[in-house]
Amino acid sequence: MTLNPKSLLGFAFAAADLLIEVTSDGEISVALGAGEALAGSTDQDLKGARLADFVAAEDRQLVAVLLGGLEEGRRGGPVVVRLHSQSGDSHRAASLSAFRLPGHGGAVSCVLSRASPPRAPGPHGLHDRASFEGAAIALMAHAGERGLDIDLALVELAGFEAVAAVAGEPEASDMRAHLAAVMRAESYAGASAAQIGDDRFALLRESGESGETLASRIGRLLDLPPEQDVQPVVRALCADPDIAADQMLKAIRYAMDDFVRVGAKPSPPATLAEAFEMSVAQTLNQVASLGRRVEAKDFALFYQPVVNLDGPVSLHHYEALIRFGDQGAPFPMIRMAEEMDLVCALDAAVVDKALDKLARTPGLTLAVNLSGRSISKDAFLSQIKGRIMSYPQLRGRLMFELTESAAVADLDAADRRLQTLRALGCEICLDDFGAGASSLAYLHRLGVDVVKIDGAFIRELEHDSRGAAFIGQLVRMCGEMKIATLAEMVETQLVEDVVRKAGVHMGQGWLYGAAAREPVPFPLPLPLPTAPPARRRGAVDSWG
């Protein structure tokens, strides 16, 4: 059966809004369809123009990489890109797919369809690990609705960051932006690539291509000099359509954990189904190990100062932060404790250690974290009430910070338990205010003494005047409720000046000291350091 050109054109427009052909030097040679609606120019005006001129600056490198990586007979995309128009409309976006026809002088055939503007998940359009996990299941479901099989590709580029560091700026930033464009171009919809560690990346992509082929193309697109010896290595894991969404997420987490630990060298699992099975076995072992550690109190408390800001900087109390062995951030262990119903035992063990420390250290005041799951149980309250009452000499020296890592379902019942703790002389602090969706409900329904403002608001105050206004309004609202305020992640003198001006009562952060194994003697007032200790920008000392 032979189709006439009109039929072919009809089928094309059934799947797209604009058809264009781009020459090997990037000029549009053919444009048919809704050019004005998509790009703000008529089809005739598009001819002879450069495709890059109609793509928003932040996505031009992505498009260049997508087209540049096409071999003859290969399709690329779809990727969602933001479009630039002569009218300055920044809300246009299109889904772009491309095909390089063999024997056609290097020209690329492209189809564009209207799409919603993509949300930039992070620098250069790459997800971090947390946002990648959140988006992965939705992206895989989106692909499944279209009959596409999706794989997880884990890409290691050992030595890339070292090469970029040697290159210096601005070359290093350009190298990272180009690498991000390569990863996005190889990912499903151009929106499912993440950096999950040093020189380690994860991306979701359509099935059907080996890891070796992908690694070869990534190396060609990066085009680094051979003497720099940065060779991409890819571990590809096939998805199983029979795995449930929650199991898929566990499998992806396990695979990424294994990848960050050992890299992309050949090792199991080979499929996400195998990864899930290995994840279950690993989780059971970890739960058993965590249970033993909690029972034996096999963890340490580190202490970070919290200071008064009402006058000269002076010590108010220390927050006791849990640490497991040589691990860094304890959040994975805390999350496991909450999910596996071990957090009440963990919180009780922390209270035990804190009370023992208080009894041995006259004049010390400590704040410990309290999970929403723990405060939701009467048995937990009875347990720690008895322990607190056995130390009457410590009244007023133990505080609790209620976290939102686990939601509180019955706020009225939780408040009754919190008031019992307050009656025992324990102040209650609402932790990470503003980070969770329930913060205002907690503030409205729970009787607390202190609100700790989430560090995500505080650390941006140097550059965000609206943030300062928000903090000021929050302080005034808390003041009307007779609630003190505490700003975490105070890292610079400028940020301290802003929170002081807003009326915040207390501060915590690297400006005043890091968490240490022992409460560091604190001069009154504290001589402020000229610069915060070197560390990863935006990190926060916390239990999770």
Protein backbone atom coordinates (compact mmCIF):
# COMPACT_ATOMS: atom_id res chain seq x y z
CA MET A 1 0.00 0.00 0.00
CA THR A 2 1.37 3.44 -0.95
CA LEU A 3 0.54 6.59 1.00
CA ASN A 4 0.44 9.91 -0.80
CA PRO A 5 2.29 12.94 0.69
CA LYS A 6 -0.95 14.49 1.97
CA SER A 7 -1.68 11.36 4.01
CA LEU A 8 1.82 11.39 5.48
CA LEU A 9 1.43 15.05 6.37
CA GLY A 10 -1.92 14.35 8.00
CA PHE A 11 -0.44 11.62 10.15
CA ALA A 12 2.41 13.94 11.12
CA PHE A 13 0.09 16.73 12.26
CA ALA A 14 -2.02 14.21 14.17
CA ALA A 15 1.02 13.72 16.40
CA ALA A 16 2.56 17.21 16.42
CA ASP A 17 1.85 20.93 16.12
CA LEU A 18 4.96 21.96 14.19
CA LEU A 19 7.26 20.09 11.80
CA ILE A 20 10.69 21.52 11.11
CA GLU A 21 13.87 20.36 9.43
CA VAL A 22 17.19 21.62 10.75
CA THR A 23 20.34 21.63 8.64
CA SER A 24 23.70 20.41 9.91
CA ASP A 25 24.65 24.00 10.79
CA GLY A 26 21.52 24.58 12.87
CA GLU A 27 19.34 26.53 10.41
CA ILE A 28 15.67 25.76 9.90
CA SER A 29 15.15 24.76 6.26
CA VAL A 30 11.53 23.58 6.48
CA ALA A 31 8.73 24.72 8.82
CA LEU A 32 5.14 23.51 8.61
CA GLY A 33 2.35 23.94 11.14
CA ALA A 34 1.66 26.18 14.11
CA GLY A 35 4.88 28.18 14.05
CA GLU A 36 3.26 31.35 15.28
CA ALA A 37 1.43 29.64 18.14
CA LEU A 38 4.52 27.80 19.35
CA ALA A 39 7.46 30.04 18.46
CA GLY A 40 5.79 33.40 17.94
CA SER A 41 6.81 33.50 14.25
CA THR A 42 5.11 32.41 11.06
CA ASP A 43 6.31 29.30 9.29
CA GLN A 44 7.79 31.49 6.57
CA ASP A 45 9.74 33.56 9.11
CA LEU A 46 11.11 30.43 10.73
CA LYS A 47 12.78 29.33 7.49
CA GLY A 48 16.40 30.42 7.41
CA ALA A 49 16.43 31.26 11.12
CA ARG A 50 18.52 29.33 13.62
CA LEU A 51 16.67 26.87 15.80
CA ALA A 52 18.63 28.07 18.85
CA ASP A 53 17.06 31.52 18.51
CA PHE A 54 13.64 30.06 19.30
CA VAL A 55 14.77 28.04 22.32
CA ALA A 56 15.05 29.65 25.77
CA ALA A 57 18.65 30.25 26.82
CA GLU A 58 18.50 27.72 29.68
CA ASP A 59 17.57 24.88 27.29
CA ARG A 60 19.72 25.69 24.23
CA GLN A 61 22.54 23.44 25.34
CA LEU A 62 20.07 20.61 25.91
CA VAL A 63 18.76 20.93 22.34
CA ALA A 64 22.27 21.20 20.89
CA VAL A 65 23.31 18.01 22.69
CA LEU A 66 20.13 16.18 21.67
CA LEU A 67 20.60 16.96 17.99
CA GLY A 68 24.38 16.57 18.10
CA GLY A 69 24.09 13.10 19.57
CA LEU A 70 21.87 11.74 16.81
CA GLU A 71 23.46 9.17 14.55
CA GLU A 72 21.86 8.40 11.19
CA GLY A 73 18.68 6.40 11.62
CA ARG A 74 18.38 7.23 15.32
CA ARG A 75 15.56 9.07 17.10
CA GLY A 76 16.09 11.43 20.02
CA GLY A 77 13.65 12.72 22.61
CA PRO A 78 11.02 13.58 23.39
CA VAL A 79 12.35 16.30 25.67
CA VAL A 80 10.32 19.23 26.97
CA VAL A 81 12.04 22.54 26.25
CA ARG A 82 11.15 26.14 26.99
CA LEU A 83 10.75 28.35 23.95
CA HIS A 84 11.82 31.94 23.37
CA SER A 85 9.64 34.21 21.29
CA GLN A 86 10.11 37.69 19.90
CA SER A 87 7.24 38.88 22.11
CA GLY A 88 9.16 37.88 25.22
CA ASP A 89 6.58 35.27 26.27
CA SER A 90 8.51 32.99 28.63
CA HIS A 91 5.66 30.55 29.24
CA ARG A 92 5.80 28.67 25.95
CA ALA A 93 7.13 25.14 25.94
CA ALA A 94 7.16 22.23 23.54
CA SER A 95 7.87 18.54 23.53
CA LEU A 96 10.64 18.01 20.97
CA SER A 97 11.47 14.77 19.17
CA ALA A 98 14.09 14.44 16.46
CA PHE A 99 15.22 11.93 13.83
CA ARG A 100 18.31 12.00 11.61
CA LEU A 101 17.34 10.50 8.25
CA PRO A 102 20.16 8.48 6.62
CA GLY A 103 21.64 10.01 3.46
CA HIS A 104 20.00 13.40 4.01
CA GLY A 105 23.07 15.57 4.33
CA GLY A 106 23.08 15.59 8.13
CA ALA A 107 19.67 17.29 8.36
CA VAL A 108 17.46 16.47 11.34
CA SER A 109 13.67 16.16 11.18
CA CYS A 110 11.97 17.54 14.30
CA VAL A 111 8.41 17.49 15.57
CA LEU A 112 7.18 19.84 18.29
CA SER A 113 3.98 19.64 20.30
CA ARG A 114 2.61 22.04 22.88
CA ALA A 115 3.62 21.15 26.44
CA SER A 116 3.56 22.63 29.92
CA PRO A 117 6.79 24.44 30.87
CA PRO A 118 9.05 22.07 32.81
CA ARG A 119 9.94 22.74 36.41
CA ALA A 120 13.68 23.11 36.91
CA PRO A 121 14.44 20.59 39.70
CA GLY A 122 17.92 21.92 40.44
CA PRO A 123 21.11 23.39 38.96
CA HIS A 124 21.19 23.00 35.16
CA GLY A 125 17.91 21.07 35.27
CA LEU A 126 19.27 18.08 37.21
CA HIS A 127 17.39 16.56 40.13
CA ASP A 128 19.08 15.91 43.43
CA ARG A 129 18.54 12.49 44.91
CA ALA A 130 15.47 13.42 46.96
CA SER A 131 13.61 15.10 44.10
CA PHE A 132 14.60 12.28 41.73
CA GLU A 133 13.05 9.69 44.03
CA GLY A 134 9.91 11.81 44.26
CA ALA A 135 9.63 12.22 40.50
CA ALA A 136 10.72 8.74 39.40
CA ILE A 137 7.49 6.87 40.04
CA ALA A 138 5.35 9.57 38.40
CA LEU A 139 7.63 9.64 35.34
CA MET A 140 7.58 5.85 35.03
CA ALA A 141 3.78 5.85 35.29
CA HIS A 142 3.63 8.58 32.61
CA ALA A 143 5.77 6.44 30.32
CA GLY A 144 3.74 3.33 31.08
CA GLU A 145 0.54 5.09 30.00
CA ARG A 146 2.20 5.57 26.62
CA GLY A 147 3.24 1.95 26.34
CA LEU A 148 6.93 2.66 26.96
CA ASP A 149 9.27 0.49 29.01
CA ILE A 150 11.65 2.48 31.20
CA ASP A 151 15.07 1.50 32.57
CA LEU A 152 17.18 3.01 35.32
CA ALA A 153 20.65 3.93 34.09
CA LEU A 154 23.40 4.66 36.62
CA VAL A 155 26.31 6.59 35.11
CA GLU A 156 29.74 6.93 36.68
CA LEU A 157 32.22 9.53 35.39
CA ALA A 158 35.18 8.88 37.66
CA GLY A 159 37.55 11.84 37.66
CA PHE A 160 35.21 14.38 36.05
CA GLU A 161 35.04 16.70 39.08
CA ALA A 162 38.81 16.51 39.52
CA VAL A 163 39.28 17.59 35.88
CA ALA A 164 36.77 20.42 36.31
CA ALA A 165 38.54 21.61 39.45
CA VAL A 166 41.87 21.75 37.63
CA ALA A 167 40.28 23.67 34.76
CA GLY A 168 39.16 26.46 37.11
CA GLU A 169 36.41 29.01 36.47
CA PRO A 170 34.56 29.75 34.27
CA GLU A 171 35.56 26.56 32.42
CA ALA A 172 34.48 24.30 35.29
CA SER A 173 30.96 25.75 35.34
CA ASP A 174 30.72 25.37 31.56
CA MET A 175 31.83 21.74 31.82
CA ARG A 176 29.22 20.98 34.47
CA ALA A 177 26.47 22.70 32.47
CA HIS A 178 27.41 20.68 29.36
CA LEU A 179 27.48 17.43 31.35
CA ALA A 180 24.02 18.21 32.77
CA ALA A 181 22.72 18.83 29.24
CA VAL A 182 24.10 15.47 28.11
CA MET A 183 22.42 13.66 31.00
CA ARG A 184 19.10 15.43 30.41
CA ALA A 185 19.21 14.71 26.68
CA GLU A 186 19.60 11.01 27.41
CA SER A 187 16.79 10.91 29.98
CA TYR A 188 13.07 10.36 29.54
CA ALA A 189 11.38 13.66 28.58
CA GLY A 190 14.64 15.46 29.32
CA ALA A 191 13.41 15.74 32.90
CA SER A 192 14.54 12.57 34.68
CA ALA A 193 18.26 12.91 35.27
CA ALA A 194 19.88 13.42 38.67
CA GLN A 195 23.26 13.87 40.28
CA ILE A 196 23.29 11.53 43.27
CA GLY A 197 26.95 11.71 44.29
CA ASP A 198 30.40 12.87 43.25
CA ASP A 199 30.82 11.87 39.59
CA ARG A 200 27.67 9.71 39.84
CA PHE A 201 24.39 10.25 38.02
CA ALA A 202 21.06 8.45 37.62
CA LEU A 203 18.56 8.75 34.79
CA LEU A 204 15.39 7.10 33.62
CA ARG A 205 15.29 6.29 29.92
CA GLU A 206 13.48 4.18 27.37
CA SER A 207 14.48 0.52 27.30
CA GLY A 208 16.15 -1.12 24.36
CA GLU A 209 19.76 0.06 24.48
CA SER A 210 22.71 -1.49 26.29
CA GLY A 211 24.67 0.32 28.95
CA GLU A 212 27.80 0.06 26.81
CA THR A 213 26.13 1.87 23.91
CA LEU A 214 24.89 4.62 26.20
CA ALA A 215 28.33 4.99 27.79
CA SER A 216 29.94 5.30 24.37
CA ARG A 217 27.54 8.04 23.28
CA ILE A 218 27.92 9.97 26.55
CA GLY A 219 31.69 9.88 26.10
CA ARG A 220 31.37 11.16 22.52
CA LEU A 221 29.03 13.97 23.53
CA LEU A 222 31.23 15.08 26.42
CA ASP A 223 34.18 15.21 24.02
CA LEU A 224 36.83 15.43 26.72
CA PRO A 225 40.51 15.17 25.68
CA PRO A 226 41.81 11.56 25.91
CA GLU A 227 44.57 12.57 28.31
CA GLN A 228 41.97 13.51 30.91
CA ASP A 229 40.95 9.84 31.08
CA VAL A 230 37.29 10.34 32.06
CA GLN A 231 35.54 7.24 30.77
CA PRO A 232 31.78 6.87 31.33
CA VAL A 233 30.69 3.56 32.85
CA VAL A 234 26.99 2.71 32.87
CA ARG A 235 25.02 0.18 34.85
CA ALA A 236 21.56 -0.29 33.30
CA LEU A 237 18.74 -1.92 35.27
CA CYS A 238 15.64 -3.15 33.49
CA ALA A 239 12.27 -2.28 34.99
CA ASP A 240 9.59 -4.89 35.63
CA PRO A 241 6.04 -3.73 34.82
CA ASP A 242 4.68 -6.10 37.47
CA ILE A 243 6.44 -4.32 40.35
CA ALA A 244 4.13 -2.10 42.40
CA ALA A 245 4.98 1.58 42.74
CA ASP A 246 6.11 1.36 46.40
CA GLN A 247 8.27 -1.65 45.58
CA MET A 248 9.72 0.18 42.59
CA LEU A 249 10.73 3.09 44.79
CA LYS A 250 12.44 0.75 47.27
CA ALA A 251 14.25 -0.91 44.35
CA ILE A 252 15.43 2.43 42.96
CA ARG A 253 16.65 3.52 46.40
CA TYR A 254 18.54 0.28 46.90
CA ALA A 255 20.11 0.43 43.45
CA MET A 256 21.24 4.03 43.99
CA ASP A 257 22.61 3.24 47.45
CA ASP A 258 24.61 0.36 46.00
CA PHE A 259 25.80 2.52 43.10
CA VAL A 260 26.94 5.39 45.33
CA ARG A 261 28.81 2.90 47.47
CA VAL A 262 30.58 0.78 44.82
CA GLY A 263 30.17 2.68 41.55
CA ALA A 264 29.09 1.24 38.21
CA LYS A 265 31.34 -1.82 38.17
CA PRO A 266 29.41 -4.96 37.17
CA SER A 267 27.55 -6.31 40.19
CA PRO A 268 24.03 -7.39 41.03
CA PRO A 269 21.27 -6.39 40.75
CA ALA A 270 20.66 -6.61 37.02
CA THR A 271 17.00 -5.68 37.14
CA LEU A 272 14.84 -3.53 39.38
CA ALA A 273 12.96 -6.68 40.42
CA GLU A 274 16.23 -8.14 41.72
CA ALA A 275 17.01 -4.80 43.33
CA PHE A 276 13.70 -4.94 45.21
CA GLU A 277 14.39 -8.45 46.49
CA MET A 278 17.86 -7.40 47.63
CA SER A 279 16.38 -4.24 49.17
CA VAL A 280 13.94 -6.29 51.26
CA ALA A 281 16.72 -8.56 52.51
CA GLN A 282 18.94 -5.57 53.27
CA THR A 283 16.12 -3.75 55.07
CA LEU A 284 15.34 -6.73 57.30
CA ASN A 285 19.01 -6.98 58.26
CA GLN A 286 19.19 -3.24 58.92
CA VAL A 287 16.03 -3.27 61.03
CA ALA A 288 17.41 -6.09 63.16
CA SER A 289 20.72 -4.26 63.52
CA LEU A 290 19.00 -0.96 64.40
CA GLY A 291 16.82 -2.70 66.99
CA ARG A 292 19.93 -4.12 68.67
CA ARG A 293 21.66 -0.72 68.63
CA VAL A 294 18.65 1.04 70.15
CA GLU A 295 18.29 -1.58 72.86
CA ALA A 296 22.00 -1.29 73.72
CA LYS A 297 21.94 2.54 73.33
CA ASP A 298 24.73 2.08 70.79
CA PHE A 299 24.72 5.64 69.49
CA ALA A 300 26.20 8.96 70.50
CA LEU A 301 24.74 12.36 71.29
CA PHE A 302 26.44 15.41 69.83
CA TYR A 303 25.74 18.87 71.20
CA GLN A 304 25.21 22.11 69.26
CA PRO A 305 24.78 25.46 71.05
CA VAL A 306 21.62 27.54 70.82
CA VAL A 307 22.14 31.19 71.77
CA ASN A 308 20.10 34.14 73.01
CA LEU A 309 19.79 37.02 70.56
CA ASP A 310 17.77 39.42 72.71
CA GLY A 311 20.99 41.14 73.81
CA PRO A 312 24.68 40.22 73.61
CA VAL A 313 25.03 36.69 72.29
CA SER A 314 24.86 34.24 75.22
CA LEU A 315 24.19 30.55 75.65
CA HIS A 316 20.57 29.43 76.05
CA HIS A 317 20.89 25.65 75.74
CA TYR A 318 22.34 22.86 73.59
CA GLU A 319 20.46 20.65 71.15
CA ALA A 320 21.37 16.96 71.52
CA LEU A 321 21.75 15.39 68.08
CA ILE A 322 21.90 11.64 67.54
CA ARG A 323 24.77 10.06 65.61
CA PHE A 324 25.26 6.40 64.68
CA GLY A 325 28.94 5.42 64.53
CA ASP A 326 30.89 7.09 61.74
CA GLN A 327 27.81 7.87 59.69
CA GLY A 328 27.13 11.40 58.55
CA ALA A 329 23.52 12.55 58.44
CA PRO A 330 21.39 10.14 60.53
CA PHE A 331 18.19 10.68 58.53
CA PRO A 332 18.17 7.21 56.84
CA MET A 333 18.31 5.52 60.24
CA ILE A 334 15.61 7.82 61.66
CA ARG A 335 13.38 7.18 58.65
CA MET A 336 13.84 3.44 59.08
CA ALA A 337 13.06 3.70 62.80
CA GLU A 338 9.81 5.53 62.03
CA GLU A 339 8.77 3.23 59.20
CA MET A 340 9.58 0.05 61.16
CA ASP A 341 7.97 1.22 64.46
CA LEU A 342 11.27 1.52 66.33
CA VAL A 343 11.21 5.28 66.84
CA CYS A 344 9.47 5.22 70.25
CA ALA A 345 12.23 3.01 71.62
CA LEU A 346 14.84 5.25 69.98
CA ASP A 347 13.33 8.46 71.37
CA ALA A 348 13.13 6.90 74.84
CA ALA A 349 16.77 5.82 74.63
CA VAL A 350 17.77 9.39 73.65
CA VAL A 351 15.84 10.78 76.64
CA ASP A 352 17.68 8.29 78.89
CA LYS A 353 21.06 9.43 77.61
CA ALA A 354 20.11 13.10 77.85
CA LEU A 355 18.91 12.73 81.48
CA ASP A 356 22.12 10.92 82.39
CA LYS A 357 24.19 13.71 80.79
CA LEU A 358 22.18 16.38 82.62
CA ALA A 359 22.62 14.62 85.95
CA ARG A 360 26.39 14.56 85.45
CA THR A 361 26.71 18.16 84.19
CA PRO A 362 25.42 20.88 86.52
CA GLY A 363 23.93 23.90 84.80
CA LEU A 364 23.49 22.16 81.43
CA THR A 365 20.17 22.46 79.53
CA LEU A 366 19.43 20.12 76.61
CA ALA A 367 16.81 19.86 73.88
CA VAL A 368 16.10 16.45 72.35
CA ASN A 369 14.06 15.61 69.27
CA LEU A 370 10.69 13.94 69.55
CA SER A 371 9.03 12.17 66.62
CA GLY A 372 5.38 12.75 65.81
CA ARG A 373 4.92 8.98 66.04
CA SER A 374 6.20 8.92 69.62
CA ILE A 375 4.01 11.74 70.90
CA SER A 376 1.03 9.95 69.37
CA LYS A 377 1.33 7.05 71.82
CA ASP A 378 0.24 7.04 75.46
CA ALA A 379 2.64 4.19 76.27
CA PHE A 380 5.61 6.33 75.21
CA LEU A 381 4.41 9.25 77.33
CA SER A 382 4.01 7.04 80.40
CA GLN A 383 7.48 5.63 79.89
CA ILE A 384 9.36 8.94 79.66
CA LYS A 385 7.15 10.63 82.28
CA GLY A 386 8.36 8.09 84.81
CA ARG A 387 11.97 8.63 83.82
CA ILE A 388 11.72 12.43 84.02
CA MET A 389 10.00 12.26 87.42
CA SER A 390 12.88 10.15 88.75
CA TYR A 391 15.16 13.18 88.24
CA PRO A 392 13.30 15.98 90.09
CA GLN A 393 16.54 17.97 90.43
CA LEU A 394 16.65 18.38 86.62
CA ARG A 395 13.32 20.20 86.33
CA GLY A 396 13.46 22.94 83.69
CA ARG A 397 16.65 21.61 82.05
CA LEU A 398 15.18 19.20 79.48
CA MET A 399 13.39 20.49 76.37
CA PHE A 400 11.68 18.63 73.52
CA GLU A 401 11.67 19.54 69.82
CA LEU A 402 8.66 18.07 68.03
CA THR A 403 9.62 17.14 64.46
CA GLU A 404 7.44 16.75 61.36
CA SER A 405 9.35 13.75 60.00
CA ALA A 406 6.24 11.72 60.84
CA ALA A 407 2.80 13.33 60.76
CA VAL A 408 0.63 13.63 63.87
CA ALA A 409 -2.88 12.40 63.08
CA ASP A 410 -4.72 13.39 66.27
CA LEU A 411 -3.49 16.85 67.24
CA ASP A 412 -5.81 17.19 70.24
CA ALA A 413 -4.52 13.96 71.80
CA ALA A 414 -0.94 14.94 70.98
CA ASP A 415 -1.44 18.31 72.67
CA ARG A 416 -2.68 16.64 75.86
CA ARG A 417 0.55 14.63 75.97
CA LEU A 418 2.68 17.70 75.29
CA GLN A 419 0.98 19.57 78.12
CA THR A 420 1.85 16.69 80.43
CA LEU A 421 5.51 17.19 79.51
CA ARG A 422 5.22 20.95 80.03
CA ALA A 423 3.74 20.34 83.48
CA LEU A 424 6.90 18.37 84.29
CA GLY A 425 8.97 21.48 83.52
CA CYS A 426 9.90 20.62 79.90
CA GLU A 427 9.59 23.37 77.33
CA ILE A 428 8.27 22.29 73.90
CA CYS A 429 9.72 23.56 70.64
CA LEU A 430 7.99 23.13 67.26
CA ASP A 431 10.85 22.11 64.97
CA ASP A 432 11.41 23.05 61.30
CA PHE A 433 8.48 25.45 61.15
CA GLY A 434 7.55 26.16 57.53
CA ALA A 435 9.14 23.02 56.08
CA GLY A 436 6.03 20.83 56.23
CA ALA A 437 2.47 21.24 55.09
CA SER A 438 1.17 20.89 58.66
CA SER A 439 3.18 23.68 60.33
CA LEU A 440 0.31 26.16 60.72
CA ALA A 441 -2.06 23.46 61.97
CA TYR A 442 0.53 22.40 64.56
CA LEU A 443 1.03 26.00 65.69
CA HIS A 444 -2.72 26.53 65.95
CA ARG A 445 -3.57 23.31 67.78
CA LEU A 446 -0.51 22.57 69.92
CA GLY A 447 0.54 24.53 72.99
CA VAL A 448 4.28 25.13 72.54
CA ASP A 449 6.90 27.46 74.00
CA VAL A 450 9.24 27.94 71.04
CA VAL A 451 8.96 27.87 67.24
CA LYS A 452 12.15 26.93 65.38
CA ILE A 453 12.09 28.53 61.92
CA ASP A 454 13.24 26.12 59.22
CA GLY A 455 16.77 26.74 57.96
CA ALA A 456 15.60 26.85 54.35
CA PHE A 457 14.13 30.29 55.09
CA ILE A 458 17.05 31.49 57.21
CA ARG A 459 19.97 30.63 54.94
CA GLU A 460 18.56 32.68 52.06
CA LEU A 461 18.08 35.87 54.06
CA GLU A 462 21.29 37.39 52.69
CA HIS A 463 19.66 37.56 49.26
CA ASP A 464 15.91 37.54 49.93
CA SER A 465 14.20 40.68 51.23
CA ARG A 466 10.79 38.96 51.06
CA GLY A 467 12.16 36.26 53.35
CA ALA A 468 13.07 38.88 55.94
CA ALA A 469 9.54 40.28 55.78
CA PHE A 470 8.13 36.77 56.25
CA ILE A 471 10.33 36.16 59.30
CA GLY A 472 9.26 39.49 60.79
CA GLN A 473 5.56 38.68 60.38
CA LEU A 474 6.06 35.20 61.88
CA VAL A 475 7.86 36.67 64.91
CA ARG A 476 5.01 39.13 65.46
CA MET A 477 2.39 36.37 65.19
CA CYS A 478 4.29 34.16 67.65
CA GLY A 479 4.73 37.11 69.97
CA GLU A 480 0.97 37.60 70.17
CA MET A 481 0.72 33.92 71.15
CA LYS A 482 3.46 34.28 73.81
CA ILE A 483 5.73 31.94 71.83
CA ALA A 484 9.49 32.53 71.46
CA THR A 485 11.24 32.08 68.09
CA LEU A 486 14.49 30.35 67.16
CA ALA A 487 16.31 30.65 63.82
CA GLU A 488 18.37 27.65 62.72
CA MET A 489 21.19 27.65 60.14
CA VAL A 490 22.49 31.08 61.09
CA GLU A 491 25.78 30.96 59.19
CA THR A 492 26.94 34.55 58.76
CA GLN A 493 26.94 37.78 60.72
CA LEU A 494 24.69 39.34 58.07
CA VAL A 495 22.01 36.67 58.60
CA GLU A 496 22.26 37.16 62.36
CA ASP A 497 21.75 40.89 61.87
CA VAL A 498 18.62 40.22 59.79
CA VAL A 499 17.04 37.82 62.30
CA ARG A 500 17.89 40.12 65.19
CA LYS A 501 16.22 43.02 63.38
CA ALA A 502 13.15 40.81 62.85
CA GLY A 503 12.99 40.18 66.60
CA VAL A 504 13.95 36.49 66.64
CA HIS A 505 14.81 35.47 70.21
CA MET A 506 17.35 32.67 69.67
CA GLY A 507 19.78 31.45 67.02
CA GLN A 508 21.49 28.20 66.12
CA GLY A 509 24.02 27.43 63.42
CA TRP A 510 27.63 27.24 62.41
CA LEU A 511 28.19 30.89 63.26
CA TYR A 512 27.99 29.86 66.93
CA GLY A 513 29.54 26.41 66.68
CA ALA A 514 29.16 22.95 65.18
CA ALA A 515 27.78 19.90 66.94
CA ALA A 516 30.47 18.32 69.10
CA ARG A 517 30.84 15.20 71.21
CA GLU A 518 30.81 17.32 74.37
CA PRO A 519 29.08 20.63 75.08
CA VAL A 520 31.79 23.16 74.24
CA PRO A 521 32.29 25.73 77.03
CA PHE A 522 30.51 28.83 75.86
CA PRO A 523 31.79 32.34 76.78
CA LEU A 524 29.20 34.94 77.72
CA PRO A 525 29.01 36.87 75.46
CA LEU A 526 30.52 34.74 72.67
CA PRO A 527 33.26 36.30 70.49
CA LEU A 528 31.79 35.72 67.06
CA PRO A 529 34.02 34.11 64.41
CA THR A 530 34.78 36.21 61.35
CA ALA A 531 33.57 33.44 59.02
CA PRO A 532 31.61 30.21 59.47
CA PRO A 533 33.60 26.95 59.45
CA ALA A 534 34.12 25.51 55.98
CA ARG A 535 31.40 23.02 55.07
CA ARG A 536 28.87 22.17 52.43
CA ARG A 537 26.66 25.21 51.95
CA GLY A 538 23.19 24.72 53.37
CA ALA A 539 23.88 21.60 55.42
CA VAL A 540 22.18 21.46 58.78
CA ASP A 541 23.09 19.62 61.97
CA SER A 542 19.98 17.67 62.83
CA TRP A 543 18.71 14.26 63.81
CA GLY A 544 17.08 13.88 60.37
